[in-house]
Amino acid sequence: MELPVVRKPKSESVAAVIKRLIADFGLEKRYDQERIIQRWPEIVGETIARRAKATRIENGKLYISVDRPTWRNELTLRKKDILGRINSVMKHDVVKDIIFR
């Protein structure tokens, strides 16, 4: 009597499995939003990140808590550039506006 051949399923990397699960559960948008908050220092640089903290994203708006009014004014002037950097890092438009508080 011959035993059946048992084939192992094709192996996937952990990253591929996580990416598939995120897609299966429809969490891509939320995942991208969290990545922006996590990568905020990389996006704007350490100097700005020490003064302005990304807190949340709601309805395409990124909320930034700024420690001083002078920094809020400076960042407001740089808003377009920061939006461009965010969406460039993410490789698609995730954030439509930034609210500095």
PDB file of N, CA and C in Angstrom:
ATOM      1  N   MET A   1       0.844  -1.175   0.000  1.00  0.00           N
ATOM      2  CA  MET A   1       0.000   0.000   0.000  1.00  0.00           C
ATOM      3  C   MET A   1       0.896   1.247   0.000  1.00  0.00           C
ATOM      4  N   GLU A   2       0.647   2.118  -0.918  1.00  0.00           N
ATOM      5  CA  GLU A   2       1.449   3.319  -1.084  1.00  0.00           C
ATOM      6  C   GLU A   2       0.813   4.485  -0.331  1.00  0.00           C
ATOM      7  N   LEU A   3       1.622   5.244   0.398  1.00  0.00           N
ATOM      8  CA  LEU A   3       1.122   6.399   1.144  1.00  0.00           C
ATOM      9  C   LEU A   3       0.970   7.588   0.206  1.00  0.00           C
ATOM     10  N   PRO A   4      -0.067   8.381   0.429  1.00  0.00           N
ATOM     11  CA  PRO A   4      -0.231   9.570  -0.418  1.00  0.00           C
ATOM     12  C   PRO A   4       0.883  10.580  -0.150  1.00  0.00           C
ATOM     13  N   VAL A   5       1.226  11.322  -1.151  1.00  0.00           N
ATOM     14  CA  VAL A   5       2.257  12.347  -1.029  1.00  0.00           C
ATOM     15  C   VAL A   5       1.637  13.568  -0.373  1.00  0.00           C
ATOM     16  N   VAL A   6       2.239  13.983   0.708  1.00  0.00           N
ATOM     17  CA  VAL A   6       1.765  15.173   1.411  1.00  0.00           C
ATOM     18  C   VAL A   6       2.627  16.342   0.979  1.00  0.00           C
ATOM     19  N   ARG A   7       1.989  17.325   0.429  1.00  0.00           N
ATOM     20  CA  ARG A   7       2.716  18.505  -0.040  1.00  0.00           C
ATOM     21  C   ARG A   7       2.563  19.628   0.983  1.00  0.00           C
ATOM     22  N   LYS A   8       3.656  20.264   1.249  1.00  0.00           N
ATOM     23  CA  LYS A   8       3.624  21.408   2.152  1.00  0.00           C
ATOM     24  C   LYS A   8       3.056  22.605   1.392  1.00  0.00           C
ATOM     25  N   PRO A   9       2.250  23.412   2.072  1.00  0.00           N
ATOM     26  CA  PRO A   9       1.770  24.609   1.394  1.00  0.00           C
ATOM     27  C   PRO A   9       2.941  25.551   1.107  1.00  0.00           C
ATOM     28  N   LYS A  10       2.761  26.342   0.076  1.00  0.00           N
ATOM     29  CA  LYS A  10       3.791  27.308  -0.286  1.00  0.00           C
ATOM     30  C   LYS A  10       4.017  28.249   0.901  1.00  0.00           C
ATOM     31  N   SER A  11       5.258  28.414   1.281  1.00  0.00           N
ATOM     32  CA  SER A  11       5.545  29.259   2.436  1.00  0.00           C
ATOM     33  C   SER A  11       5.481  30.736   2.042  1.00  0.00           C
ATOM     34  N   GLU A  12       5.028  31.542   2.989  1.00  0.00           N
ATOM     35  CA  GLU A  12       4.935  32.986   2.794  1.00  0.00           C
ATOM     36  C   GLU A  12       5.754  33.663   3.882  1.00  0.00           C
ATOM     37  N   SER A  13       6.262  34.824   3.574  1.00  0.00           N
ATOM     38  CA  SER A  13       6.965  35.584   4.602  1.00  0.00           C
ATOM     39  C   SER A  13       5.939  36.135   5.588  1.00  0.00           C
ATOM     40  N   VAL A  14       6.396  36.438   6.768  1.00  0.00           N
ATOM     41  CA  VAL A  14       5.511  37.013   7.780  1.00  0.00           C
ATOM     42  C   VAL A  14       4.924  38.329   7.272  1.00  0.00           C
ATOM     43  N   ALA A  15       5.742  39.130   6.621  1.00  0.00           N
ATOM     44  CA  ALA A  15       5.275  40.409   6.081  1.00  0.00           C
ATOM     45  C   ALA A  15       4.155  40.201   5.072  1.00  0.00           C
ATOM     46  N   ALA A  16       4.291  39.188   4.212  1.00  0.00           N
ATOM     47  CA  ALA A  16       3.257  38.910   3.213  1.00  0.00           C
ATOM     48  C   ALA A  16       1.965  38.456   3.878  1.00  0.00           C
ATOM     49  N   VAL A  17       2.076  37.647   4.915  1.00  0.00           N
ATOM     50  CA  VAL A  17       0.892  37.179   5.640  1.00  0.00           C
ATOM     51  C   VAL A  17       0.186  38.356   6.304  1.00  0.00           C
ATOM     52  N   ILE A  18       0.951  39.229   6.953  1.00  0.00           N
ATOM     53  CA  ILE A  18       0.357  40.391   7.613  1.00  0.00           C
ATOM     54  C   ILE A  18      -0.325  41.301   6.596  1.00  0.00           C
ATOM     55  N   LYS A  19       0.345  41.535   5.485  1.00  0.00           N
ATOM     56  CA  LYS A  19      -0.231  42.386   4.441  1.00  0.00           C
ATOM     57  C   LYS A  19      -1.541  41.794   3.922  1.00  0.00           C
ATOM     58  N   ARG A  20      -1.572  40.470   3.733  1.00  0.00           N
ATOM     59  CA  ARG A  20      -2.785  39.809   3.259  1.00  0.00           C
ATOM     60  C   ARG A  20      -3.905  39.913   4.286  1.00  0.00           C
ATOM     61  N   LEU A  21      -3.579  39.726   5.556  1.00  0.00           N
ATOM     62  CA  LEU A  21      -4.585  39.826   6.612  1.00  0.00           C
ATOM     63  C   LEU A  21      -5.150  41.241   6.717  1.00  0.00           C
ATOM     64  N   ILE A  22      -4.285  42.229   6.603  1.00  0.00           N
ATOM     65  CA  ILE A  22      -4.742  43.623   6.637  1.00  0.00           C
ATOM     66  C   ILE A  22      -5.736  43.864   5.509  1.00  0.00           C
ATOM     67  N   ALA A  23      -5.420  43.362   4.316  1.00  0.00           N
ATOM     68  CA  ALA A  23      -6.321  43.515   3.168  1.00  0.00           C
ATOM     69  C   ALA A  23      -7.611  42.727   3.380  1.00  0.00           C
ATOM     70  N   ASP A  24      -7.504  41.495   3.880  1.00  0.00           N
ATOM     71  CA  ASP A  24      -8.685  40.660   4.099  1.00  0.00           C
ATOM     72  C   ASP A  24      -9.674  41.301   5.065  1.00  0.00           C
ATOM     73  N   PHE A  25      -9.157  41.998   6.064  1.00  0.00           N
ATOM     74  CA  PHE A  25     -10.025  42.628   7.060  1.00  0.00           C
ATOM     75  C   PHE A  25     -10.372  44.076   6.707  1.00  0.00           C
ATOM     76  N   GLY A  26      -9.921  44.561   5.550  1.00  0.00           N
ATOM     77  CA  GLY A  26     -10.240  45.914   5.117  1.00  0.00           C
ATOM     78  C   GLY A  26      -9.604  46.995   5.983  1.00  0.00           C
ATOM     79  N   LEU A  27      -8.401  46.759   6.447  1.00  0.00           N
ATOM     80  CA  LEU A  27      -7.750  47.689   7.364  1.00  0.00           C
ATOM     81  C   LEU A  27      -6.633  48.514   6.720  1.00  0.00           C
ATOM     82  N   GLU A  28      -6.556  48.525   5.393  1.00  0.00           N
ATOM     83  CA  GLU A  28      -5.459  49.222   4.725  1.00  0.00           C
ATOM     84  C   GLU A  28      -5.401  50.697   5.099  1.00  0.00           C
ATOM     85  N   LYS A  29      -6.556  51.359   5.090  1.00  0.00           N
ATOM     86  CA  LYS A  29      -6.592  52.790   5.377  1.00  0.00           C
ATOM     87  C   LYS A  29      -6.097  53.064   6.801  1.00  0.00           C
ATOM     88  N   ARG A  30      -6.591  52.310   7.762  1.00  0.00           N
ATOM     89  CA  ARG A  30      -6.190  52.501   9.158  1.00  0.00           C
ATOM     90  C   ARG A  30      -4.698  52.191   9.341  1.00  0.00           C
ATOM     91  N   TYR A  31      -4.226  51.162   8.674  1.00  0.00           N
ATOM     92  CA  TYR A  31      -2.803  50.795   8.738  1.00  0.00           C
ATOM     93  C   TYR A  31      -1.935  51.933   8.202  1.00  0.00           C
ATOM     94  N   ASP A  32      -2.323  52.496   7.067  1.00  0.00           N
ATOM     95  CA  ASP A  32      -1.572  53.617   6.492  1.00  0.00           C
ATOM     96  C   ASP A  32      -1.555  54.811   7.438  1.00  0.00           C
ATOM     97  N   GLN A  33      -2.688  55.091   8.076  1.00  0.00           N
ATOM     98  CA  GLN A  33      -2.753  56.209   9.007  1.00  0.00           C
ATOM     99  C   GLN A  33      -1.801  55.999  10.187  1.00  0.00           C
ATOM    100  N   GLU A  34      -1.783  54.816  10.718  1.00  0.00           N
ATOM    101  CA  GLU A  34      -0.881  54.525  11.836  1.00  0.00           C
ATOM    102  C   GLU A  34       0.581  54.610  11.411  1.00  0.00           C
ATOM    103  N   ARG A  35       0.865  54.203  10.190  1.00  0.00           N
ATOM    104  CA  ARG A  35       2.244  54.293   9.690  1.00  0.00           C
ATOM    105  C   ARG A  35       2.698  55.745   9.608  1.00  0.00           C
ATOM    106  N   ILE A  36       1.806  56.641   9.230  1.00  0.00           N
ATOM    107  CA  ILE A  36       2.159  58.060   9.160  1.00  0.00           C
ATOM    108  C   ILE A  36       2.518  58.570  10.549  1.00  0.00           C
ATOM    109  N   ILE A  37       1.715  58.247  11.528  1.00  0.00           N
ATOM    110  CA  ILE A  37       1.988  58.701  12.893  1.00  0.00           C
ATOM    111  C   ILE A  37       3.305  58.116  13.389  1.00  0.00           C
ATOM    112  N   GLN A  38       3.546  56.850  13.112  1.00  0.00           N
ATOM    113  CA  GLN A  38       4.796  56.203  13.523  1.00  0.00           C
ATOM    114  C   GLN A  38       6.007  56.819  12.819  1.00  0.00           C
ATOM    115  N   ARG A  39       5.842  57.182  11.558  1.00  0.00           N
ATOM    116  CA  ARG A  39       6.971  57.674  10.756  1.00  0.00           C
ATOM    117  C   ARG A  39       7.089  59.201  10.760  1.00  0.00           C
ATOM    118  N   TRP A  40       6.307  59.874  11.574  1.00  0.00           N
ATOM    119  CA  TRP A  40       6.310  61.337  11.620  1.00  0.00           C
ATOM    120  C   TRP A  40       7.721  61.916  11.740  1.00  0.00           C
ATOM    121  N   PRO A  41       8.560  61.444  12.671  1.00  0.00           N
ATOM    122  CA  PRO A  41       9.927  62.003  12.759  1.00  0.00           C
ATOM    123  C   PRO A  41      10.729  61.833  11.462  1.00  0.00           C
ATOM    124  N   GLU A  42      10.545  60.729  10.795  1.00  0.00           N
ATOM    125  CA  GLU A  42      11.236  60.495   9.522  1.00  0.00           C
ATOM    126  C   GLU A  42      10.722  61.451   8.446  1.00  0.00           C
ATOM    127  N   ILE A  43       9.430  61.726   8.462  1.00  0.00           N
ATOM    128  CA  ILE A  43       8.813  62.573   7.438  1.00  0.00           C
ATOM    129  C   ILE A  43       9.242  64.030   7.588  1.00  0.00           C
ATOM    130  N   VAL A  44       9.213  64.550   8.820  1.00  0.00           N
ATOM    131  CA  VAL A  44       9.491  65.979   9.025  1.00  0.00           C
ATOM    132  C   VAL A  44      10.871  66.270   9.593  1.00  0.00           C
ATOM    133  N   GLY A  45      11.568  65.242  10.063  1.00  0.00           N
ATOM    134  CA  GLY A  45      12.877  65.438  10.674  1.00  0.00           C
ATOM    135  C   GLY A  45      12.761  65.536  12.189  1.00  0.00           C
ATOM    136  N   GLU A  46      13.853  65.236  12.856  1.00  0.00           N
ATOM    137  CA  GLU A  46      13.863  65.181  14.323  1.00  0.00           C
ATOM    138  C   GLU A  46      13.591  66.537  14.968  1.00  0.00           C
ATOM    139  N   THR A  47      14.100  67.611  14.380  1.00  0.00           N
ATOM    140  CA  THR A  47      13.912  68.942  14.972  1.00  0.00           C
ATOM    141  C   THR A  47      12.439  69.298  15.056  1.00  0.00           C
ATOM    142  N   ILE A  48      11.731  69.145  13.968  1.00  0.00           N
ATOM    143  CA  ILE A  48      10.297  69.440  13.961  1.00  0.00           C
ATOM    144  C   ILE A  48       9.542  68.430  14.815  1.00  0.00           C
ATOM    145  N   ALA A  49       9.912  67.177  14.737  1.00  0.00           N
ATOM    146  CA  ALA A  49       9.210  66.135  15.496  1.00  0.00           C
ATOM    147  C   ALA A  49       9.302  66.373  17.008  1.00  0.00           C
ATOM    148  N   ARG A  50      10.375  67.013  17.474  1.00  0.00           N
ATOM    149  CA  ARG A  50      10.480  67.328  18.904  1.00  0.00           C
ATOM    150  C   ARG A  50       9.487  68.406  19.308  1.00  0.00           C
ATOM    151  N   ARG A  51       9.112  69.249  18.372  1.00  0.00           N
ATOM    152  CA  ARG A  51       8.205  70.374  18.645  1.00  0.00           C
ATOM    153  C   ARG A  51       6.748  70.104  18.264  1.00  0.00           C
ATOM    154  N   ALA A  52       6.549  69.167  17.348  1.00  0.00           N
ATOM    155  CA  ALA A  52       5.204  68.909  16.822  1.00  0.00           C
ATOM    156  C   ALA A  52       4.968  67.407  16.749  1.00  0.00           C
ATOM    157  N   LYS A  53       3.935  66.951  17.412  1.00  0.00           N
ATOM    158  CA  LYS A  53       3.663  65.521  17.484  1.00  0.00           C
ATOM    159  C   LYS A  53       2.380  65.180  16.718  1.00  0.00           C
ATOM    160  N   ALA A  54       2.494  64.199  15.824  1.00  0.00           N
ATOM    161  CA  ALA A  54       1.313  63.702  15.113  1.00  0.00           C
ATOM    162  C   ALA A  54       0.480  62.896  16.100  1.00  0.00           C
ATOM    163  N   THR A  55      -0.793  63.255  16.258  1.00  0.00           N
ATOM    164  CA  THR A  55      -1.613  62.598  17.272  1.00  0.00           C
ATOM    165  C   THR A  55      -2.661  61.656  16.701  1.00  0.00           C
ATOM    166  N   ARG A  56      -3.284  62.048  15.595  1.00  0.00           N
ATOM    167  CA  ARG A  56      -4.325  61.191  15.016  1.00  0.00           C
ATOM    168  C   ARG A  56      -4.658  61.655  13.606  1.00  0.00           C
ATOM    169  N   ILE A  57      -5.389  60.789  12.889  1.00  0.00           N
ATOM    170  CA  ILE A  57      -5.898  61.132  11.567  1.00  0.00           C
ATOM    171  C   ILE A  57      -7.377  60.788  11.549  1.00  0.00           C
ATOM    172  N   GLU A  58      -8.189  61.766  11.173  1.00  0.00           N
ATOM    173  CA  GLU A  58      -9.631  61.568  11.053  1.00  0.00           C
ATOM    174  C   GLU A  58     -10.114  62.227   9.768  1.00  0.00           C
ATOM    175  N   ASN A  59     -10.877  61.493   9.003  1.00  0.00           N
ATOM    176  CA  ASN A  59     -11.458  62.024   7.766  1.00  0.00           C
ATOM    177  C   ASN A  59     -10.419  62.692   6.867  1.00  0.00           C
ATOM    178  N   GLY A  60      -9.255  62.079   6.761  1.00  0.00           N
ATOM    179  CA  GLY A  60      -8.204  62.597   5.887  1.00  0.00           C
ATOM    180  C   GLY A  60      -7.437  63.780   6.451  1.00  0.00           C
ATOM    181  N   LYS A  61      -7.719  64.156   7.718  1.00  0.00           N
ATOM    182  CA  LYS A  61      -7.027  65.279   8.356  1.00  0.00           C
ATOM    183  C   LYS A  61      -6.060  64.739   9.404  1.00  0.00           C
ATOM    184  N   LEU A  62      -4.822  65.169   9.301  1.00  0.00           N
ATOM    185  CA  LEU A  62      -3.790  64.811  10.261  1.00  0.00           C
ATOM    186  C   LEU A  62      -3.725  65.906  11.317  1.00  0.00           C
ATOM    187  N   TYR A  63      -3.888  65.520  12.576  1.00  0.00           N
ATOM    188  CA  TYR A  63      -3.851  66.469  13.689  1.00  0.00           C
ATOM    189  C   TYR A  63      -2.469  66.445  14.328  1.00  0.00           C
ATOM    190  N   ILE A  64      -1.899  67.641  14.457  1.00  0.00           N
ATOM    191  CA  ILE A  64      -0.555  67.803  14.997  1.00  0.00           C
ATOM    192  C   ILE A  64      -0.630  68.700  16.226  1.00  0.00           C
ATOM    193  N   SER A  65      -0.075  68.207  17.325  1.00  0.00           N
ATOM    194  CA  SER A  65       0.020  68.983  18.555  1.00  0.00           C
ATOM    195  C   SER A  65       1.373  69.681  18.551  1.00  0.00           C
ATOM    196  N   VAL A  66       1.348  71.011  18.580  1.00  0.00           N
ATOM    197  CA  VAL A  66       2.572  71.814  18.494  1.00  0.00           C
ATOM    198  C   VAL A  66       2.812  72.496  19.836  1.00  0.00           C
ATOM    199  N   ASP A  67       4.075  72.513  20.278  1.00  0.00           N
ATOM    200  CA  ASP A  67       4.363  73.023  21.623  1.00  0.00           C
ATOM    201  C   ASP A  67       4.416  74.550  21.738  1.00  0.00           C
ATOM    202  N   ARG A  68       4.551  75.263  20.630  1.00  0.00           N
ATOM    203  CA  ARG A  68       4.614  76.730  20.688  1.00  0.00           C
ATOM    204  C   ARG A  68       3.912  77.350  19.478  1.00  0.00           C
ATOM    205  N   PRO A  69       3.296  78.509  19.697  1.00  0.00           N
ATOM    206  CA  PRO A  69       2.624  79.201  18.588  1.00  0.00           C
ATOM    207  C   PRO A  69       3.564  79.541  17.430  1.00  0.00           C
ATOM    208  N   THR A  70       4.821  79.869  17.744  1.00  0.00           N
ATOM    209  CA  THR A  70       5.755  80.210  16.668  1.00  0.00           C
ATOM    210  C   THR A  70       5.995  78.998  15.755  1.00  0.00           C
ATOM    211  N   TRP A  71       6.086  77.793  16.357  1.00  0.00           N
ATOM    212  CA  TRP A  71       6.240  76.583  15.550  1.00  0.00           C
ATOM    213  C   TRP A  71       4.970  76.292  14.765  1.00  0.00           C
ATOM    214  N   ARG A  72       3.816  76.551  15.367  1.00  0.00           N
ATOM    215  CA  ARG A  72       2.550  76.339  14.655  1.00  0.00           C
ATOM    216  C   ARG A  72       2.498  77.225  13.409  1.00  0.00           C
ATOM    217  N   ASN A  73       2.905  78.481  13.555  1.00  0.00           N
ATOM    218  CA  ASN A  73       2.920  79.398  12.405  1.00  0.00           C
ATOM    219  C   ASN A  73       3.888  78.919  11.331  1.00  0.00           C
ATOM    220  N   GLU A  74       5.089  78.516  11.756  1.00  0.00           N
ATOM    221  CA  GLU A  74       6.101  78.029  10.811  1.00  0.00           C
ATOM    222  C   GLU A  74       5.591  76.804  10.055  1.00  0.00           C
ATOM    223  N   LEU A  75       5.009  75.868  10.775  1.00  0.00           N
ATOM    224  CA  LEU A  75       4.522  74.637  10.137  1.00  0.00           C
ATOM    225  C   LEU A  75       3.320  74.897   9.241  1.00  0.00           C
ATOM    226  N   THR A  76       2.509  75.856   9.610  1.00  0.00           N
ATOM    227  CA  THR A  76       1.384  76.226   8.752  1.00  0.00           C
ATOM    228  C   THR A  76       1.900  76.722   7.404  1.00  0.00           C
ATOM    229  N   LEU A  77       2.987  77.478   7.424  1.00  0.00           N
ATOM    230  CA  LEU A  77       3.591  77.951   6.177  1.00  0.00           C
ATOM    231  C   LEU A  77       4.178  76.799   5.357  1.00  0.00           C
ATOM    232  N   ARG A  78       4.582  75.722   6.028  1.00  0.00           N
ATOM    233  CA  ARG A  78       5.182  74.559   5.362  1.00  0.00           C
ATOM    234  C   ARG A  78       4.182  73.436   5.085  1.00  0.00           C
ATOM    235  N   LYS A  79       2.921  73.684   5.321  1.00  0.00           N
ATOM    236  CA  LYS A  79       1.893  72.639   5.228  1.00  0.00           C
ATOM    237  C   LYS A  79       1.917  71.903   3.884  1.00  0.00           C
ATOM    238  N   LYS A  80       1.962  72.646   2.807  1.00  0.00           N
ATOM    239  CA  LYS A  80       1.937  72.022   1.475  1.00  0.00           C
ATOM    240  C   LYS A  80       3.119  71.072   1.289  1.00  0.00           C
ATOM    241  N   ASP A  81       4.292  71.512   1.717  1.00  0.00           N
ATOM    242  CA  ASP A  81       5.496  70.679   1.617  1.00  0.00           C
ATOM    243  C   ASP A  81       5.368  69.416   2.473  1.00  0.00           C
ATOM    244  N   ILE A  82       4.861  69.570   3.680  1.00  0.00           N
ATOM    245  CA  ILE A  82       4.697  68.421   4.575  1.00  0.00           C
ATOM    246  C   ILE A  82       3.685  67.434   4.006  1.00  0.00           C
ATOM    247  N   LEU A  83       2.576  67.939   3.473  1.00  0.00           N
ATOM    248  CA  LEU A  83       1.589  67.060   2.822  1.00  0.00           C
ATOM    249  C   LEU A  83       2.223  66.279   1.677  1.00  0.00           C
ATOM    250  N   GLY A  84       3.026  66.967   0.883  1.00  0.00           N
ATOM    251  CA  GLY A  84       3.714  66.305  -0.223  1.00  0.00           C
ATOM    252  C   GLY A  84       4.648  65.206   0.249  1.00  0.00           C
ATOM    253  N   ARG A  85       5.382  65.472   1.333  1.00  0.00           N
ATOM    254  CA  ARG A  85       6.290  64.460   1.888  1.00  0.00           C
ATOM    255  C   ARG A  85       5.523  63.246   2.401  1.00  0.00           C
ATOM    256  N   ILE A  86       4.438  63.508   3.125  1.00  0.00           N
ATOM    257  CA  ILE A  86       3.632  62.402   3.672  1.00  0.00           C
ATOM    258  C   ILE A  86       3.151  61.502   2.554  1.00  0.00           C
ATOM    259  N   ASN A  87       2.511  62.087   1.571  1.00  0.00           N
ATOM    260  CA  ASN A  87       1.935  61.295   0.496  1.00  0.00           C
ATOM    261  C   ASN A  87       2.995  60.659  -0.393  1.00  0.00           C
ATOM    262  N   SER A  88       4.179  61.268  -0.453  1.00  0.00           N
ATOM    263  CA  SER A  88       5.286  60.664  -1.177  1.00  0.00           C
ATOM    264  C   SER A  88       5.798  59.423  -0.448  1.00  0.00           C
ATOM    265  N   VAL A  89       5.972  59.536   0.860  1.00  0.00           N
ATOM    266  CA  VAL A  89       6.420  58.398   1.666  1.00  0.00           C
ATOM    267  C   VAL A  89       5.412  57.255   1.575  1.00  0.00           C
ATOM    268  N   MET A  90       4.120  57.585   1.600  1.00  0.00           N
ATOM    269  CA  MET A  90       3.074  56.561   1.575  1.00  0.00           C
ATOM    270  C   MET A  90       2.800  56.058   0.151  1.00  0.00           C
ATOM    271  N   LYS A  91       3.287  56.772  -0.836  1.00  0.00           N
ATOM    272  CA  LYS A  91       3.128  56.423  -2.249  1.00  0.00           C
ATOM    273  C   LYS A  91       1.677  56.546  -2.747  1.00  0.00           C
ATOM    274  N   HIS A  92       0.842  57.212  -1.990  1.00  0.00           N
ATOM    275  CA  HIS A  92      -0.508  57.583  -2.421  1.00  0.00           C
ATOM    276  C   HIS A  92      -1.069  58.596  -1.421  1.00  0.00           C
ATOM    277  N   ASP A  93      -2.150  59.266  -1.799  1.00  0.00           N
ATOM    278  CA  ASP A  93      -2.727  60.295  -0.933  1.00  0.00           C
ATOM    279  C   ASP A  93      -3.477  59.659   0.229  1.00  0.00           C
ATOM    280  N   VAL A  94      -2.942  59.852   1.410  1.00  0.00           N
ATOM    281  CA  VAL A  94      -3.586  59.360   2.631  1.00  0.00           C
ATOM    282  C   VAL A  94      -4.139  60.537   3.414  1.00  0.00           C
ATOM    283  N   VAL A  95      -3.398  61.645   3.417  1.00  0.00           N
ATOM    284  CA  VAL A  95      -3.765  62.841   4.170  1.00  0.00           C
ATOM    285  C   VAL A  95      -4.154  63.937   3.180  1.00  0.00           C
ATOM    286  N   LYS A  96      -5.294  64.572   3.438  1.00  0.00           N
ATOM    287  CA  LYS A  96      -5.759  65.675   2.583  1.00  0.00           C
ATOM    288  C   LYS A  96      -5.476  67.047   3.196  1.00  0.00           C
ATOM    289  N   ASP A  97      -5.364  67.079   4.538  1.00  0.00           N
ATOM    290  CA  ASP A  97      -5.152  68.356   5.220  1.00  0.00           C
ATOM    291  C   ASP A  97      -4.417  68.086   6.540  1.00  0.00           C
ATOM    292  N   ILE A  98      -3.788  69.144   7.061  1.00  0.00           N
ATOM    293  CA  ILE A  98      -3.106  69.053   8.349  1.00  0.00           C
ATOM    294  C   ILE A  98      -3.654  70.158   9.245  1.00  0.00           C
ATOM    295  N   ILE A  99      -4.000  69.785  10.469  1.00  0.00           N
ATOM    296  CA  ILE A  99      -4.489  70.735  11.455  1.00  0.00           C
ATOM    297  C   ILE A  99      -3.439  70.831  12.553  1.00  0.00           C
ATOM    298  N   PHE A 100      -2.887  72.052  12.708  1.00  0.00           N
ATOM    299  CA  PHE A 100      -1.878  72.277  13.751  1.00  0.00           C
ATOM    300  C   PHE A 100      -2.568  72.902  14.955  1.00  0.00           C
ATOM    301  N   ARG A 101      -2.347  72.326  16.133  1.00  0.00           N
ATOM    302  CA  ARG A 101      -2.966  72.834  17.364  1.00  0.00           C
ATOM    303  C   ARG A 101      -1.932  73.058  18.424  1.00  0.00           C
TER     304      ARG A 101
END
